[in-house]
Amino acid sequence: MSLILLSLLTANPQISWMMSCSQYREMVETLYADEFFSQPENYHQRQAIHDKFKRHAPKECYGEFEV
């Protein structure tokens, strides 16, 4: 799980990529279920990753699914 997040966050910013709504929902569910990121003290890191996912998903995806 951490490897997937790391690869998404360190990807070349000049390469544009988009997730489908189902991919977005799966990634957010995985993020919030993660043992490290689910801890309250890691809220800011979790939110930064969630915001990154939002930038790479259609707006209609994250309007319907907010954790």
PDB file of N, CA and C in Angstrom:
ATOM      1  N   MET A   1       0.834  -1.186   0.000  1.00  0.00           N
ATOM      2  CA  MET A   1       0.000   0.000   0.000  1.00  0.00           C
ATOM      3  C   MET A   1       0.875   1.244   0.000  1.00  0.00           C
ATOM      4  N   SER A   2       1.866   1.299   0.862  1.00  0.00           N
ATOM      5  CA  SER A   2       2.745   2.458   0.934  1.00  0.00           C
ATOM      6  C   SER A   2       3.500   2.671  -0.368  1.00  0.00           C
ATOM      7  N   LEU A   3       3.876   1.585  -1.017  1.00  0.00           N
ATOM      8  CA  LEU A   3       4.584   1.673  -2.286  1.00  0.00           C
ATOM      9  C   LEU A   3       3.719   2.319  -3.364  1.00  0.00           C
ATOM     10  N   ILE A   4       2.439   1.984  -3.380  1.00  0.00           N
ATOM     11  CA  ILE A   4       1.518   2.570  -4.350  1.00  0.00           C
ATOM     12  C   ILE A   4       1.394   4.069  -4.103  1.00  0.00           C
ATOM     13  N   LEU A   5       1.207   4.458  -2.857  1.00  0.00           N
ATOM     14  CA  LEU A   5       1.089   5.874  -2.528  1.00  0.00           C
ATOM     15  C   LEU A   5       2.364   6.630  -2.880  1.00  0.00           C
ATOM     16  N   LEU A   6       3.495   6.045  -2.547  1.00  0.00           N
ATOM     17  CA  LEU A   6       4.771   6.691  -2.849  1.00  0.00           C
ATOM     18  C   LEU A   6       4.940   6.888  -4.348  1.00  0.00           C
ATOM     19  N   SER A   7       4.603   5.895  -5.132  1.00  0.00           N
ATOM     20  CA  SER A   7       4.762   6.028  -6.581  1.00  0.00           C
ATOM     21  C   SER A   7       3.811   7.084  -7.143  1.00  0.00           C
ATOM     22  N   LEU A   8       2.614   7.192  -6.583  1.00  0.00           N
ATOM     23  CA  LEU A   8       1.675   8.220  -7.044  1.00  0.00           C
ATOM     24  C   LEU A   8       2.156   9.621  -6.694  1.00  0.00           C
ATOM     25  N   LEU A   9       2.714   9.758  -5.510  1.00  0.00           N
ATOM     26  CA  LEU A   9       3.119  11.080  -5.044  1.00  0.00           C
ATOM     27  C   LEU A   9       4.425  11.556  -5.663  1.00  0.00           C
ATOM     28  N   THR A  10       5.243  10.642  -6.104  1.00  0.00           N
ATOM     29  CA  THR A  10       6.538  11.037  -6.662  1.00  0.00           C
ATOM     30  C   THR A  10       6.564  10.951  -8.179  1.00  0.00           C
ATOM     31  N   ALA A  11       5.433  10.692  -8.780  1.00  0.00           N
ATOM     32  CA  ALA A  11       5.384  10.600 -10.241  1.00  0.00           C
ATOM     33  C   ALA A  11       5.779  11.933 -10.860  1.00  0.00           C
ATOM     34  N   ASN A  12       6.313  11.866 -12.045  1.00  0.00           N
ATOM     35  CA  ASN A  12       6.713  13.075 -12.764  1.00  0.00           C
ATOM     36  C   ASN A  12       5.507  14.010 -12.891  1.00  0.00           C
ATOM     37  N   PRO A  13       5.593  15.226 -12.329  1.00  0.00           N
ATOM     38  CA  PRO A  13       4.443  16.124 -12.359  1.00  0.00           C
ATOM     39  C   PRO A  13       4.066  16.593 -13.765  1.00  0.00           C
ATOM     40  N   GLN A  14       4.961  16.428 -14.731  1.00  0.00           N
ATOM     41  CA  GLN A  14       4.665  16.859 -16.084  1.00  0.00           C
ATOM     42  C   GLN A  14       3.824  15.829 -16.842  1.00  0.00           C
ATOM     43  N   ILE A  15       3.740  14.629 -16.304  1.00  0.00           N
ATOM     44  CA  ILE A  15       2.919  13.596 -16.929  1.00  0.00           C
ATOM     45  C   ILE A  15       1.540  13.664 -16.281  1.00  0.00           C
ATOM     46  N   SER A  16       0.544  13.965 -17.082  1.00  0.00           N
ATOM     47  CA  SER A  16      -0.812  14.070 -16.562  1.00  0.00           C
ATOM     48  C   SER A  16      -1.442  12.681 -16.500  1.00  0.00           C
ATOM     49  N   TRP A  17      -2.070  12.398 -15.390  1.00  0.00           N
ATOM     50  CA  TRP A  17      -2.767  11.127 -15.242  1.00  0.00           C
ATOM     51  C   TRP A  17      -4.074  11.381 -14.519  1.00  0.00           C
ATOM     52  N   MET A  18      -5.047  10.544 -14.836  1.00  0.00           N
ATOM     53  CA  MET A  18      -6.355  10.668 -14.209  1.00  0.00           C
ATOM     54  C   MET A  18      -6.808   9.288 -13.740  1.00  0.00           C
ATOM     55  N   MET A  19      -7.541   9.298 -12.644  1.00  0.00           N
ATOM     56  CA  MET A  19      -8.140   8.073 -12.131  1.00  0.00           C
ATOM     57  C   MET A  19      -9.613   8.071 -12.503  1.00  0.00           C
ATOM     58  N   SER A  20     -10.164   6.899 -12.647  1.00  0.00           N
ATOM     59  CA  SER A  20     -11.612   6.780 -12.806  1.00  0.00           C
ATOM     60  C   SER A  20     -12.241   6.947 -11.419  1.00  0.00           C
ATOM     61  N   CYS A  21     -13.547   7.093 -11.364  1.00  0.00           N
ATOM     62  CA  CYS A  21     -14.230   7.231 -10.072  1.00  0.00           C
ATOM     63  C   CYS A  21     -14.029   5.991  -9.207  1.00  0.00           C
ATOM     64  N   SER A  22     -14.077   4.831  -9.802  1.00  0.00           N
ATOM     65  CA  SER A  22     -13.885   3.612  -9.010  1.00  0.00           C
ATOM     66  C   SER A  22     -12.450   3.520  -8.480  1.00  0.00           C
ATOM     67  N   GLN A  23     -11.479   3.936  -9.272  1.00  0.00           N
ATOM     68  CA  GLN A  23     -10.093   3.952  -8.801  1.00  0.00           C
ATOM     69  C   GLN A  23      -9.932   4.954  -7.658  1.00  0.00           C
ATOM     70  N   TYR A  24     -10.538   6.120  -7.818  1.00  0.00           N
ATOM     71  CA  TYR A  24     -10.468   7.144  -6.781  1.00  0.00           C
ATOM     72  C   TYR A  24     -11.064   6.618  -5.468  1.00  0.00           C
ATOM     73  N   ARG A  25     -12.259   6.043  -5.545  1.00  0.00           N
ATOM     74  CA  ARG A  25     -12.911   5.527  -4.335  1.00  0.00           C
ATOM     75  C   ARG A  25     -12.063   4.443  -3.676  1.00  0.00           C
ATOM     76  N   GLU A  26     -11.502   3.556  -4.483  1.00  0.00           N
ATOM     77  CA  GLU A  26     -10.667   2.486  -3.930  1.00  0.00           C
ATOM     78  C   GLU A  26      -9.422   3.056  -3.245  1.00  0.00           C
ATOM     79  N   MET A  27      -8.790   4.036  -3.865  1.00  0.00           N
ATOM     80  CA  MET A  27      -7.590   4.632  -3.269  1.00  0.00           C
ATOM     81  C   MET A  27      -7.918   5.361  -1.967  1.00  0.00           C
ATOM     82  N   VAL A  28      -9.032   6.081  -1.931  1.00  0.00           N
ATOM     83  CA  VAL A  28      -9.413   6.807  -0.714  1.00  0.00           C
ATOM     84  C   VAL A  28      -9.776   5.820   0.391  1.00  0.00           C
ATOM     85  N   GLU A  29     -10.509   4.774   0.057  1.00  0.00           N
ATOM     86  CA  GLU A  29     -10.851   3.751   1.059  1.00  0.00           C
ATOM     87  C   GLU A  29      -9.583   3.103   1.607  1.00  0.00           C
ATOM     88  N   THR A  30      -8.643   2.812   0.735  1.00  0.00           N
ATOM     89  CA  THR A  30      -7.374   2.212   1.156  1.00  0.00           C
ATOM     90  C   THR A  30      -6.590   3.172   2.033  1.00  0.00           C
ATOM     91  N   LEU A  31      -6.561   4.432   1.659  1.00  0.00           N
ATOM     92  CA  LEU A  31      -5.850   5.448   2.436  1.00  0.00           C
ATOM     93  C   LEU A  31      -6.406   5.548   3.846  1.00  0.00           C
ATOM     94  N   TYR A  32      -7.717   5.644   3.966  1.00  0.00           N
ATOM     95  CA  TYR A  32      -8.334   5.808   5.276  1.00  0.00           C
ATOM     96  C   TYR A  32      -8.307   4.526   6.104  1.00  0.00           C
ATOM     97  N   ALA A  33      -8.152   3.379   5.476  1.00  0.00           N
ATOM     98  CA  ALA A  33      -8.071   2.112   6.198  1.00  0.00           C
ATOM     99  C   ALA A  33      -6.630   1.789   6.621  1.00  0.00           C
ATOM    100  N   ASP A  34      -5.676   2.501   6.058  1.00  0.00           N
ATOM    101  CA  ASP A  34      -4.273   2.245   6.363  1.00  0.00           C
ATOM    102  C   ASP A  34      -3.988   2.489   7.844  1.00  0.00           C
ATOM    103  N   GLU A  35      -3.236   1.588   8.450  1.00  0.00           N
ATOM    104  CA  GLU A  35      -2.940   1.667   9.882  1.00  0.00           C
ATOM    105  C   GLU A  35      -2.247   2.986  10.258  1.00  0.00           C
ATOM    106  N   PHE A  36      -1.297   3.418   9.467  1.00  0.00           N
ATOM    107  CA  PHE A  36      -0.568   4.662   9.758  1.00  0.00           C
ATOM    108  C   PHE A  36      -1.443   5.887   9.520  1.00  0.00           C
ATOM    109  N   PHE A  37      -2.029   5.981   8.332  1.00  0.00           N
ATOM    110  CA  PHE A  37      -2.769   7.183   7.962  1.00  0.00           C
ATOM    111  C   PHE A  37      -4.103   7.321   8.691  1.00  0.00           C
ATOM    112  N   SER A  38      -4.611   6.244   9.271  1.00  0.00           N
ATOM    113  CA  SER A  38      -5.869   6.337  10.007  1.00  0.00           C
ATOM    114  C   SER A  38      -5.701   6.950  11.391  1.00  0.00           C
ATOM    115  N   GLN A  39      -4.468   7.085  11.828  1.00  0.00           N
ATOM    116  CA  GLN A  39      -4.212   7.680  13.151  1.00  0.00           C
ATOM    117  C   GLN A  39      -4.476   9.183  13.112  1.00  0.00           C
ATOM    118  N   PRO A  40      -5.138   9.720  14.147  1.00  0.00           N
ATOM    119  CA  PRO A  40      -5.461  11.157  14.171  1.00  0.00           C
ATOM    120  C   PRO A  40      -4.239  12.066  14.020  1.00  0.00           C
ATOM    121  N   GLU A  41      -3.106  11.652  14.553  1.00  0.00           N
ATOM    122  CA  GLU A  41      -1.910  12.500  14.468  1.00  0.00           C
ATOM    123  C   GLU A  41      -1.351  12.582  13.048  1.00  0.00           C
ATOM    124  N   ASN A  42      -1.819  11.725  12.155  1.00  0.00           N
ATOM    125  CA  ASN A  42      -1.356  11.730  10.768  1.00  0.00           C
ATOM    126  C   ASN A  42      -2.373  12.357   9.830  1.00  0.00           C
ATOM    127  N   TYR A  43      -3.296  13.115  10.400  1.00  0.00           N
ATOM    128  CA  TYR A  43      -4.366  13.747   9.629  1.00  0.00           C
ATOM    129  C   TYR A  43      -3.834  14.587   8.468  1.00  0.00           C
ATOM    130  N   HIS A  44      -2.819  15.406   8.733  1.00  0.00           N
ATOM    131  CA  HIS A  44      -2.333  16.328   7.694  1.00  0.00           C
ATOM    132  C   HIS A  44      -1.708  15.581   6.514  1.00  0.00           C
ATOM    133  N   GLN A  45      -0.960  14.531   6.803  1.00  0.00           N
ATOM    134  CA  GLN A  45      -0.384  13.735   5.713  1.00  0.00           C
ATOM    135  C   GLN A  45      -1.494  13.040   4.921  1.00  0.00           C
ATOM    136  N   ARG A  46      -2.474  12.482   5.633  1.00  0.00           N
ATOM    137  CA  ARG A  46      -3.588  11.810   4.972  1.00  0.00           C
ATOM    138  C   ARG A  46      -4.361  12.784   4.099  1.00  0.00           C
ATOM    139  N   GLN A  47      -4.607  13.988   4.610  1.00  0.00           N
ATOM    140  CA  GLN A  47      -5.357  14.981   3.849  1.00  0.00           C
ATOM    141  C   GLN A  47      -4.586  15.433   2.611  1.00  0.00           C
ATOM    142  N   ALA A  48      -3.268  15.554   2.730  1.00  0.00           N
ATOM    143  CA  ALA A  48      -2.448  15.944   1.577  1.00  0.00           C
ATOM    144  C   ALA A  48      -2.535  14.895   0.468  1.00  0.00           C
ATOM    145  N   ILE A  49      -2.512  13.631   0.845  1.00  0.00           N
ATOM    146  CA  ILE A  49      -2.624  12.571  -0.153  1.00  0.00           C
ATOM    147  C   ILE A  49      -4.020  12.560  -0.764  1.00  0.00           C
ATOM    148  N   HIS A  50      -5.039  12.732   0.072  1.00  0.00           N
ATOM    149  CA  HIS A  50      -6.416  12.771  -0.420  1.00  0.00           C
ATOM    150  C   HIS A  50      -6.588  13.928  -1.401  1.00  0.00           C
ATOM    151  N   ASP A  51      -6.028  15.076  -1.087  1.00  0.00           N
ATOM    152  CA  ASP A  51      -6.096  16.225  -2.002  1.00  0.00           C
ATOM    153  C   ASP A  51      -5.399  15.925  -3.327  1.00  0.00           C
ATOM    154  N   LYS A  52      -4.289  15.210  -3.257  1.00  0.00           N
ATOM    155  CA  LYS A  52      -3.576  14.797  -4.481  1.00  0.00           C
ATOM    156  C   LYS A  52      -4.476  13.904  -5.330  1.00  0.00           C
ATOM    157  N   PHE A  53      -5.157  12.974  -4.695  1.00  0.00           N
ATOM    158  CA  PHE A  53      -6.088  12.107  -5.424  1.00  0.00           C
ATOM    159  C   PHE A  53      -7.185  12.940  -6.085  1.00  0.00           C
ATOM    160  N   LYS A  54      -7.686  13.932  -5.381  1.00  0.00           N
ATOM    161  CA  LYS A  54      -8.748  14.781  -5.931  1.00  0.00           C
ATOM    162  C   LYS A  54      -8.289  15.508  -7.194  1.00  0.00           C
ATOM    163  N   ARG A  55      -7.037  15.935  -7.211  1.00  0.00           N
ATOM    164  CA  ARG A  55      -6.519  16.646  -8.383  1.00  0.00           C
ATOM    165  C   ARG A  55      -6.433  15.742  -9.609  1.00  0.00           C
ATOM    166  N   HIS A  56      -6.483  14.437  -9.382  1.00  0.00           N
ATOM    167  CA  HIS A  56      -6.331  13.486 -10.483  1.00  0.00           C
ATOM    168  C   HIS A  56      -7.575  12.620 -10.672  1.00  0.00           C
ATOM    169  N   ALA A  57      -8.715  13.147 -10.265  1.00  0.00           N
ATOM    170  CA  ALA A  57      -9.988  12.444 -10.457  1.00  0.00           C
ATOM    171  C   ALA A  57     -11.018  13.459 -10.941  1.00  0.00           C
ATOM    172  N   PRO A  58     -11.971  13.019 -11.734  1.00  0.00           N
ATOM    173  CA  PRO A  58     -13.031  13.930 -12.166  1.00  0.00           C
ATOM    174  C   PRO A  58     -13.794  14.477 -10.958  1.00  0.00           C
ATOM    175  N   LYS A  59     -14.225  15.726 -11.050  1.00  0.00           N
ATOM    176  CA  LYS A  59     -14.890  16.369  -9.919  1.00  0.00           C
ATOM    177  C   LYS A  59     -16.125  15.615  -9.451  1.00  0.00           C
ATOM    178  N   GLU A  60     -16.833  14.988 -10.363  1.00  0.00           N
ATOM    179  CA  GLU A  60     -18.034  14.258  -9.949  1.00  0.00           C
ATOM    180  C   GLU A  60     -17.692  13.055  -9.067  1.00  0.00           C
ATOM    181  N   CYS A  61     -16.452  12.595  -9.098  1.00  0.00           N
ATOM    182  CA  CYS A  61     -16.048  11.454  -8.266  1.00  0.00           C
ATOM    183  C   CYS A  61     -15.954  11.839  -6.797  1.00  0.00           C
ATOM    184  N   TYR A  62     -15.275  12.896  -6.487  1.00  0.00           N
ATOM    185  CA  TYR A  62     -15.073  13.220  -5.081  1.00  0.00           C
ATOM    186  C   TYR A  62     -16.213  14.022  -4.492  1.00  0.00           C
ATOM    187  N   GLY A  63     -17.131  14.494  -5.307  1.00  0.00           N
ATOM    188  CA  GLY A  63     -18.319  15.135  -4.765  1.00  0.00           C
ATOM    189  C   GLY A  63     -19.251  14.114  -4.142  1.00  0.00           C
ATOM    190  N   GLU A  64     -19.218  12.888  -4.675  1.00  0.00           N
ATOM    191  CA  GLU A  64     -20.127  11.854  -4.200  1.00  0.00           C
ATOM    192  C   GLU A  64     -19.525  11.019  -3.073  1.00  0.00           C
ATOM    193  N   PHE A  65     -18.217  11.141  -2.864  1.00  0.00           N
ATOM    194  CA  PHE A  65     -17.545  10.261  -1.890  1.00  0.00           C
ATOM    195  C   PHE A  65     -16.575  11.078  -1.067  1.00  0.00           C
ATOM    196  N   GLU A  66     -16.974  11.427   0.099  1.00  0.00           N
ATOM    197  CA  GLU A  66     -16.082  12.113   1.020  1.00  0.00           C
ATOM    198  C   GLU A  66     -16.054  11.347   2.323  1.00  0.00           C
ATOM    199  N   VAL A  67     -14.877  11.116   2.828  1.00  0.00           N
ATOM    200  CA  VAL A  67     -14.710  10.371   4.086  1.00  0.00           C
ATOM    201  C   VAL A  67     -14.619  11.369   5.209  1.00  0.00           C
TER     202      VAL A  67
END
